[in-house]
Structures are given as C-alpha cells and as structure tokens.
N, C-alpha and C. Protein backbone atom coordinates (compact mmCIF):
# COMPACT_ATOMS: atom_id res chain seq x y z
N MET A 1 59.35 111.24 17.32
CA MET A 1 59.54 112.01 18.52
C MET A 1 60.01 111.14 19.68
N GLU A 2 61.02 111.50 20.39
CA GLU A 2 61.60 110.65 21.40
C GLU A 2 60.62 110.31 22.55
N VAL A 3 59.87 111.32 22.97
CA VAL A 3 58.95 111.12 24.07
C VAL A 3 57.93 110.03 23.74
N SER A 4 57.42 110.07 22.55
CA SER A 4 56.44 109.10 22.07
C SER A 4 57.09 107.67 22.06
N LYS A 5 58.25 107.57 21.52
CA LYS A 5 58.87 106.28 21.47
C LYS A 5 59.25 105.79 22.89
N GLU A 6 59.74 106.67 23.73
CA GLU A 6 60.15 106.32 25.09
C GLU A 6 58.98 105.74 25.83
N HIS A 7 57.77 106.28 25.66
CA HIS A 7 56.61 105.82 26.42
C HIS A 7 55.69 104.94 25.61
N ASN A 8 56.15 104.57 24.42
CA ASN A 8 55.44 103.63 23.52
C ASN A 8 54.02 104.09 23.23
N ILE A 9 53.91 105.36 22.81
CA ILE A 9 52.64 105.90 22.39
C ILE A 9 52.86 106.52 20.98
N SER A 10 51.76 106.64 20.26
CA SER A 10 51.88 107.23 18.90
C SER A 10 52.09 108.77 19.06
N GLU A 11 52.66 109.32 18.00
CA GLU A 11 52.84 110.77 18.02
C GLU A 11 51.49 111.49 17.95
N ILE A 12 50.54 110.86 17.29
CA ILE A 12 49.14 111.46 17.23
C ILE A 12 48.59 111.56 18.61
N THR A 13 48.71 110.47 19.36
CA THR A 13 48.19 110.45 20.77
C THR A 13 48.93 111.52 21.58
N PHE A 14 50.23 111.60 21.45
CA PHE A 14 50.99 112.57 22.20
C PHE A 14 50.51 114.00 21.95
N HIS A 15 50.30 114.33 20.65
CA HIS A 15 49.86 115.63 20.31
C HIS A 15 48.42 115.91 20.76
N ARG A 16 47.58 114.86 20.72
CA ARG A 16 46.22 115.05 21.24
C ARG A 16 46.25 115.32 22.70
N TRP A 17 47.02 114.57 23.44
CA TRP A 17 47.14 114.77 24.89
C TRP A 17 47.76 116.15 25.18
N LYS A 18 48.73 116.52 24.38
CA LYS A 18 49.39 117.84 24.62
C LYS A 18 48.34 118.96 24.41
N LYS A 19 47.55 118.84 23.38
CA LYS A 19 46.49 119.84 23.13
C LYS A 19 45.47 119.86 24.21
N GLN A 20 45.07 118.67 24.71
CA GLN A 20 44.05 118.57 25.73
C GLN A 20 44.58 119.04 27.11
N PHE A 21 45.79 118.62 27.47
CA PHE A 21 46.28 118.88 28.78
C PHE A 21 47.44 119.81 28.87
N GLY A 22 47.89 120.32 27.73
CA GLY A 22 49.09 121.18 27.70
C GLY A 22 49.08 122.41 28.54
N GLN A 23 47.89 123.00 28.71
CA GLN A 23 47.83 124.24 29.52
C GLN A 23 47.68 123.98 30.97
N LEU A 24 47.55 122.74 31.38
CA LEU A 24 47.37 122.38 32.79
C LEU A 24 48.68 122.03 33.45
N ASP A 25 48.83 122.31 34.72
CA ASP A 25 49.97 121.79 35.40
C ASP A 25 49.71 120.35 35.78
N VAL A 26 50.67 119.63 36.31
CA VAL A 26 50.53 118.25 36.57
C VAL A 26 49.39 117.93 37.56
N ASN A 27 49.31 118.71 38.64
CA ASN A 27 48.25 118.49 39.64
C ASN A 27 46.87 118.72 39.04
N GLU A 28 46.72 119.71 38.19
CA GLU A 28 45.44 119.94 37.54
C GLU A 28 45.05 118.80 36.64
N ALA A 29 46.02 118.30 35.88
CA ALA A 29 45.77 117.19 34.94
C ALA A 29 45.39 115.91 35.73
N LYS A 30 46.08 115.66 36.82
CA LYS A 30 45.74 114.49 37.68
C LYS A 30 44.35 114.62 38.26
N ARG A 31 44.03 115.81 38.73
CA ARG A 31 42.70 116.06 39.30
C ARG A 31 41.63 115.89 38.24
N MET A 32 41.89 116.37 37.01
CA MET A 32 40.91 116.22 35.97
C MET A 32 40.69 114.71 35.62
N LYS A 33 41.74 113.96 35.56
CA LYS A 33 41.58 112.51 35.30
C LYS A 33 40.88 111.82 36.40
N ALA A 34 41.10 112.19 37.65
CA ALA A 34 40.39 111.63 38.79
C ALA A 34 38.88 111.95 38.70
N LEU A 35 38.57 113.16 38.36
CA LEU A 35 37.20 113.62 38.21
C LEU A 35 36.47 112.86 37.07
N GLU A 36 37.22 112.64 35.96
CA GLU A 36 36.65 111.90 34.86
C GLU A 36 36.33 110.46 35.27
N ARG A 37 37.23 109.83 36.00
CA ARG A 37 36.99 108.48 36.51
C ARG A 37 35.80 108.46 37.45
N GLU A 38 35.71 109.41 38.39
CA GLU A 38 34.61 109.52 39.27
C GLU A 38 33.30 109.73 38.52
N ASN A 39 33.31 110.57 37.55
CA ASN A 39 32.14 110.82 36.76
C ASN A 39 31.64 109.59 36.07
N ALA A 40 32.58 108.84 35.48
CA ALA A 40 32.22 107.59 34.75
C ALA A 40 31.58 106.61 35.76
N GLU A 41 32.15 106.49 37.00
CA GLU A 41 31.60 105.61 37.96
C GLU A 41 30.22 106.00 38.38
N LEU A 42 30.00 107.25 38.55
CA LEU A 42 28.66 107.77 38.95
C LEU A 42 27.63 107.52 37.86
N LYS A 43 28.09 107.70 36.59
CA LYS A 43 27.18 107.36 35.47
C LYS A 43 26.76 105.89 35.47
N LYS A 44 27.74 105.00 35.76
CA LYS A 44 27.46 103.60 35.81
C LYS A 44 26.42 103.31 36.96
N MET A 45 26.68 103.96 38.10
CA MET A 45 25.79 103.79 39.25
C MET A 45 24.36 104.19 38.95
N LEU A 46 24.20 105.26 38.17
CA LEU A 46 22.90 105.76 37.80
C LEU A 46 22.31 104.88 36.72
N ALA A 47 23.11 104.41 35.80
CA ALA A 47 22.61 103.64 34.65
C ALA A 47 22.04 102.27 35.08
N ASP A 48 22.60 101.68 36.04
CA ASP A 48 22.12 100.35 36.51
C ASP A 48 20.71 100.42 37.03
N PRO A 49 20.39 101.30 37.93
CA PRO A 49 18.97 101.35 38.40
C PRO A 49 17.99 101.78 37.32
N LEU A 50 18.44 102.68 36.45
CA LEU A 50 17.53 103.07 35.36
C LEU A 50 17.26 101.86 34.39
N LEU A 51 18.29 101.12 34.08
CA LEU A 51 18.06 99.94 33.28
C LEU A 51 17.17 98.92 33.95
N LYS A 52 17.41 98.73 35.23
CA LYS A 52 16.53 97.79 36.00
C LYS A 52 15.09 98.28 35.96
N ASN A 53 14.82 99.53 36.13
CA ASN A 53 13.48 100.06 36.09
C ASN A 53 12.79 99.84 34.73
N ARG A 54 13.60 100.04 33.68
CA ARG A 54 13.05 99.83 32.32
C ARG A 54 12.71 98.33 32.12
N VAL A 55 13.54 97.47 32.58
CA VAL A 55 13.26 96.04 32.43
C VAL A 55 12.00 95.68 33.20
N LEU A 56 11.90 96.13 34.44
CA LEU A 56 10.74 95.87 35.28
C LEU A 56 9.44 96.42 34.62
N GLU A 57 9.56 97.62 34.10
CA GLU A 57 8.37 98.23 33.43
C GLU A 57 7.97 97.41 32.21
N ALA A 58 8.93 96.93 31.44
CA ALA A 58 8.63 96.18 30.28
C ALA A 58 7.99 94.83 30.66
N VAL A 59 8.54 94.19 31.67
CA VAL A 59 7.94 92.94 32.14
C VAL A 59 6.50 93.14 32.70
N ASN A 60 6.37 94.19 33.47
CA ASN A 60 5.10 94.51 34.05
C ASN A 60 4.07 94.81 32.97
N ALA A 61 4.45 95.52 31.92
CA ALA A 61 3.56 95.87 30.82
C ALA A 61 3.06 94.63 30.08
N LYS A 62 3.94 93.61 29.98
CA LYS A 62 3.56 92.42 29.26
C LYS A 62 2.58 91.55 30.09
N LYS A 63 2.65 91.66 31.39
CA LYS A 63 1.78 90.89 32.20
C LYS A 63 0.33 91.33 32.16
N TRP A 64 0.10 92.58 31.91
CA TRP A 64 -1.24 93.14 31.87
C TRP A 64 -1.68 93.24 30.44
C-alpha cells in the first residue's frame, strides 16, 4: 500500500489505525490523542504519590 510505504509504517499498523480512527474527522482524532496523552500524564502524577506512600508504609512497618 502506497500510504504505508510513503509514511514508513506497516500495512498492519495502517489498518489498525484506520479501524481505530477511521470514523473520526481529523480534529476529533487529534483531540483524542491529546486526551490520551493528558490521561497518561495524570496517571503518572497519581502513581508517584501512591508508590511513595507504599514505600513509606513498608519502611514504617519494618521499624515497629
């Protein structure tokens, strides 16, 4: 497929993206990708304090 070769992606990737984003217009797809990035960042922000709490609880439990 020319589009795949032109953009140096596999045909499988192209078809997966087409299936995932084919019904969306360009603005909707861009917005979805932006929301996915924001969601990933928020998950990281939440995960760091949770991990810190677990470590502190484990250290505290060993002291007593």
